[in-house]
Protein backbone atom coordinates (compact mmCIF):
# COMPACT_ATOMS: atom_id res chain seq x y z
CA UNK A 1 -48.17 -50.18 -4.82
CA UNK A 2 -47.03 -52.29 -8.10
CA UNK A 3 -49.08 -49.80 -10.38
CA UNK A 4 -47.29 -46.90 -8.59
CA UNK A 5 -43.77 -48.35 -9.09
CA UNK A 6 -44.55 -49.32 -12.81
CA UNK A 7 -45.81 -45.86 -13.35
CA UNK A 8 -42.78 -44.24 -11.89
CA UNK A 9 -40.57 -46.58 -13.97
CA UNK A 10 -42.65 -45.50 -17.04
CA UNK A 11 -42.22 -41.68 -16.25
CA UNK A 12 -38.53 -42.26 -15.66
CA UNK A 13 -37.93 -44.13 -18.83
CA UNK A 14 -39.92 -41.30 -20.94
CA UNK A 15 -37.85 -38.79 -19.05
CA UNK A 16 -34.58 -40.33 -19.97
CA UNK A 17 -35.68 -40.90 -23.66
CA UNK A 18 -36.63 -36.99 -23.58
CA UNK A 19 -33.37 -36.11 -22.07
CA UNK A 20 -31.36 -38.23 -24.69
CA UNK A 21 -33.31 -36.61 -27.39
CA UNK A 22 -32.67 -32.98 -26.05
CA UNK A 23 -28.93 -34.07 -25.80
CA UNK A 24 -28.92 -35.15 -29.50
CA UNK A 25 -30.59 -32.07 -30.50
CA UNK A 26 -28.23 -29.85 -28.50
CA UNK A 27 -25.29 -31.72 -29.74
CA UNK A 28 -26.41 -31.26 -33.44
CA UNK A 29 -26.95 -27.50 -32.80
CA UNK A 30 -23.53 -27.27 -31.36
CA UNK A 31 -21.91 -29.27 -34.02
CA UNK A 32 -23.41 -26.90 -36.81
CA UNK A 33 -20.97 -23.97 -36.87
CA UNK A 34 -22.27 -20.51 -37.29
CA UNK A 35 -21.79 -19.02 -40.83
CA UNK A 36 -18.72 -16.82 -41.03
CA UNK A 37 -18.77 -13.60 -42.96
CA UNK A 38 -15.75 -11.89 -44.79
CA UNK A 39 -15.87 -8.17 -43.93
CA UNK A 40 -14.26 -5.49 -45.95
CA UNK A 41 -14.60 -1.73 -44.66
CA UNK A 42 -12.88 1.19 -46.59
CA UNK A 43 -13.32 4.59 -45.24
CA UNK A 44 -12.13 7.76 -47.03
CA UNK A 45 -13.05 10.64 -44.98
CA UNK A 46 -11.09 13.12 -47.27
CA UNK A 47 -13.45 12.01 -50.16
CA UNK A 48 -16.39 11.69 -47.72
CA UNK A 49 -16.99 8.11 -48.74
CA UNK A 50 -16.98 4.44 -47.46
CA UNK A 51 -17.49 0.87 -48.76
CA UNK A 52 -18.82 -1.99 -46.71
CA UNK A 53 -18.78 -5.56 -47.87
CA UNK A 54 -20.32 -8.51 -45.89
CA UNK A 55 -20.13 -11.72 -47.67
CA UNK A 56 -20.78 -15.23 -46.34
CA UNK A 57 -17.63 -17.30 -46.72
CA UNK A 58 -19.67 -20.08 -48.07
CA UNK A 59 -21.00 -17.78 -50.67
CA UNK A 60 -17.50 -16.55 -51.52
CA UNK A 61 -16.36 -20.12 -51.77
CA UNK A 62 -19.08 -20.96 -54.29
CA UNK A 63 -18.61 -17.72 -56.35
CA UNK A 64 -14.76 -17.86 -56.71
CA UNK A 65 -14.63 -20.80 -58.93
CA UNK A 66 -17.00 -19.01 -61.42
CA UNK A 67 -14.57 -16.32 -61.87
CA UNK A 68 -11.91 -16.90 -64.59
CA UNK A 69 -10.04 -13.99 -65.41
CA UNK A 70 -6.23 -13.27 -65.72
CA UNK A 71 -4.42 -15.30 -63.12
CA UNK A 72 -7.68 -16.37 -61.21
CA UNK A 73 -9.20 -19.70 -62.45
CA UNK A 74 -11.41 -22.20 -60.78
CA UNK A 75 -10.81 -20.84 -57.32
CA UNK A 76 -7.17 -20.88 -57.68
CA UNK A 77 -4.51 -18.08 -58.43
CA UNK A 78 -1.58 -18.82 -60.70
CA UNK A 79 1.75 -17.66 -59.56
CA UNK A 80 4.46 -17.29 -62.17
CA UNK A 81 7.85 -18.92 -61.43
CA UNK A 82 9.60 -15.53 -61.74
CA UNK A 83 7.54 -14.35 -58.79
CA UNK A 84 9.13 -17.17 -56.65
CA UNK A 85 12.70 -16.24 -57.26
CA UNK A 86 13.74 -19.90 -57.02
CA UNK A 87 12.43 -20.07 -53.26
CA UNK A 88 10.78 -23.34 -52.15
CA UNK A 89 7.74 -21.67 -50.44
CA UNK A 90 6.36 -25.18 -49.02
CA UNK A 91 9.73 -25.82 -47.43
CA UNK A 92 9.88 -22.25 -45.98
CA UNK A 93 6.30 -22.46 -44.77
CA UNK A 94 7.08 -25.94 -43.00
CA UNK A 95 9.90 -24.47 -41.39
CA UNK A 96 7.98 -21.51 -40.11
CA UNK A 97 5.08 -23.81 -39.07
CA UNK A 98 7.35 -26.10 -36.96
CA UNK A 99 9.33 -23.30 -35.45
CA UNK A 100 8.32 -21.96 -32.08
CA UNK A 101 6.61 -18.66 -31.76
CA UNK A 102 9.05 -15.99 -32.57
CA UNK A 103 9.72 -12.78 -34.07
CA UNK A 104 11.49 -13.67 -37.20
CA UNK A 105 12.44 -10.40 -38.81
CA UNK A 106 12.71 -6.86 -37.57
CA UNK A 107 13.88 -3.93 -39.80
CA UNK A 108 14.03 -0.36 -38.58
CA UNK A 109 15.48 2.39 -40.67
CA UNK A 110 14.66 6.07 -41.85
CA UNK A 111 12.02 4.74 -44.44
CA UNK A 112 10.28 2.04 -42.74
CA UNK A 113 9.62 -0.39 -39.71
CA UNK A 114 8.96 -3.87 -40.78
CA UNK A 115 8.20 -6.72 -38.34
CA UNK A 116 7.50 -10.62 -39.39
CA UNK A 117 6.51 -13.00 -36.70
CA UNK A 118 4.84 -16.08 -35.62
CA UNK A 119 2.39 -16.13 -32.74
CA UNK A 120 -0.42 -18.15 -31.60
CA UNK A 121 -0.64 -19.95 -34.86
CA UNK A 122 -0.65 -16.83 -37.07
CA UNK A 123 1.83 -15.29 -39.38
CA UNK A 124 1.99 -11.57 -38.55
CA UNK A 125 3.43 -8.83 -40.72
CA UNK A 126 3.50 -5.12 -39.56
CA UNK A 127 4.83 -2.39 -41.79
CA UNK A 128 5.09 1.31 -41.27
CA UNK A 129 6.24 3.40 -44.19
CA UNK A 130 7.57 6.62 -42.69
CA UNK A 131 8.09 8.30 -46.02
CA UNK A 132 4.27 7.92 -47.06
CA UNK A 133 2.82 9.88 -44.15
CA UNK A 134 3.19 7.09 -41.64
CA UNK A 135 1.22 4.57 -43.66
CA UNK A 136 0.60 1.41 -41.75
CA UNK A 137 -0.29 -2.10 -42.75
CA UNK A 138 -1.01 -4.85 -40.39
CA UNK A 139 -1.56 -8.48 -41.60
CA UNK A 140 -2.38 -11.61 -39.43
CA UNK A 141 -3.04 -14.75 -41.30
CA UNK A 142 -3.71 -18.02 -39.56
CA UNK A 143 -1.24 -20.75 -40.49
CA UNK A 144 -4.07 -23.04 -41.14
CA UNK A 145 -5.19 -20.58 -43.87
CA UNK A 146 -1.60 -20.51 -45.44
CA UNK A 147 -1.52 -24.15 -45.37
CA UNK A 148 -4.81 -24.40 -47.18
CA UNK A 149 -3.61 -21.92 -49.88
CA UNK A 150 -0.92 -24.64 -50.79
CA UNK A 151 -2.87 -27.80 -49.77
CA UNK A 152 -4.28 -28.97 -53.26
CA UNK A 153 -2.74 -26.46 -55.69
CA UNK A 154 0.09 -27.22 -57.98
CA UNK A 155 3.29 -25.66 -57.41
CA UNK A 156 2.49 -22.59 -59.37
CA UNK A 157 -0.88 -22.03 -57.90
CA UNK A 158 -2.65 -20.84 -54.51
CA UNK A 159 -5.91 -22.48 -53.71
CA UNK A 160 -7.95 -19.58 -52.56
CA UNK A 161 -11.16 -21.63 -52.26
CA UNK A 162 -9.49 -23.75 -49.77
CA UNK A 163 -8.22 -20.90 -47.88
CA UNK A 164 -11.74 -19.63 -47.45
CA UNK A 165 -12.75 -23.05 -46.23
CA UNK A 166 -9.96 -22.79 -43.75
CA UNK A 167 -10.85 -19.34 -42.66
CA UNK A 168 -14.57 -20.44 -41.74
CA UNK A 169 -12.70 -22.66 -39.06
CA UNK A 170 -10.41 -20.15 -37.75
CA UNK A 171 -12.66 -18.26 -35.48
CA UNK A 172 -12.93 -14.56 -35.63
CA UNK A 173 -9.89 -12.82 -37.01
CA UNK A 174 -8.74 -9.54 -38.03
CA UNK A 175 -6.79 -10.24 -41.13
CA UNK A 176 -5.71 -6.81 -42.64
CA UNK A 177 -5.63 -3.34 -41.60
CA UNK A 178 -4.20 -0.56 -43.91
CA UNK A 179 -4.08 3.04 -42.83
CA UNK A 180 -2.74 6.29 -44.42
CA UNK A 181 -3.30 9.84 -44.09
CA UNK A 182 -6.59 9.61 -45.61
CA UNK A 183 -7.84 6.23 -46.05
CA UNK A 184 -8.42 3.00 -43.66
CA UNK A 185 -9.16 -0.25 -44.75
CA UNK A 186 -10.10 -3.35 -42.56
CA UNK A 187 -10.51 -6.79 -43.61
CA UNK A 188 -11.90 -9.47 -41.09
CA UNK A 189 -13.96 -12.72 -40.55
CA UNK A 190 -16.53 -13.30 -37.88
CA UNK A 191 -20.10 -14.68 -37.50
CA UNK A 192 -21.90 -11.55 -37.68
CA UNK A 193 -23.52 -10.63 -40.95
CA UNK A 194 -23.36 -6.81 -40.51
CA UNK A 195 -20.44 -4.50 -39.49
CA UNK A 196 -22.33 -2.98 -36.59
């Protein structure tokens, strides 16, 4: 009887250790996020062509600092003071970040419709250019990505590499769509390595 009890205790201990090991392995698997990919799709049926780009964000983050041309250097983009027109962008972004979800600007006239809003942690911009054959531009950027752009950069820079890191944590997101009479452009991030 004692042998049976001791055997059951040993089996229970082994099963507990096995379960604990499986929980650690499962936790490690869950803790490792899936690679995120930046996708760009450009379709131009009028010219009979298309372009597809599928780049892992981790790869883009490593390549970006290697490109040093014009205003892009070390993963950052320089912004000239003239382009800021005396606006404290960091203060403006802090005001938007702390404001409740809202439609901040809506403009409708004969040439264009423009909408700027904040919803679910995203900055959203919709533009319809009525003069240019109903060209449409939709931009959705998670605020955490905007914050990353300004996080470590100097006042006259945007940290694009930091924004890529933030994008990898932002989940699946459609960032940009542009459509006009002949061309359609989409930019998005997800965990699939293809556009299928």
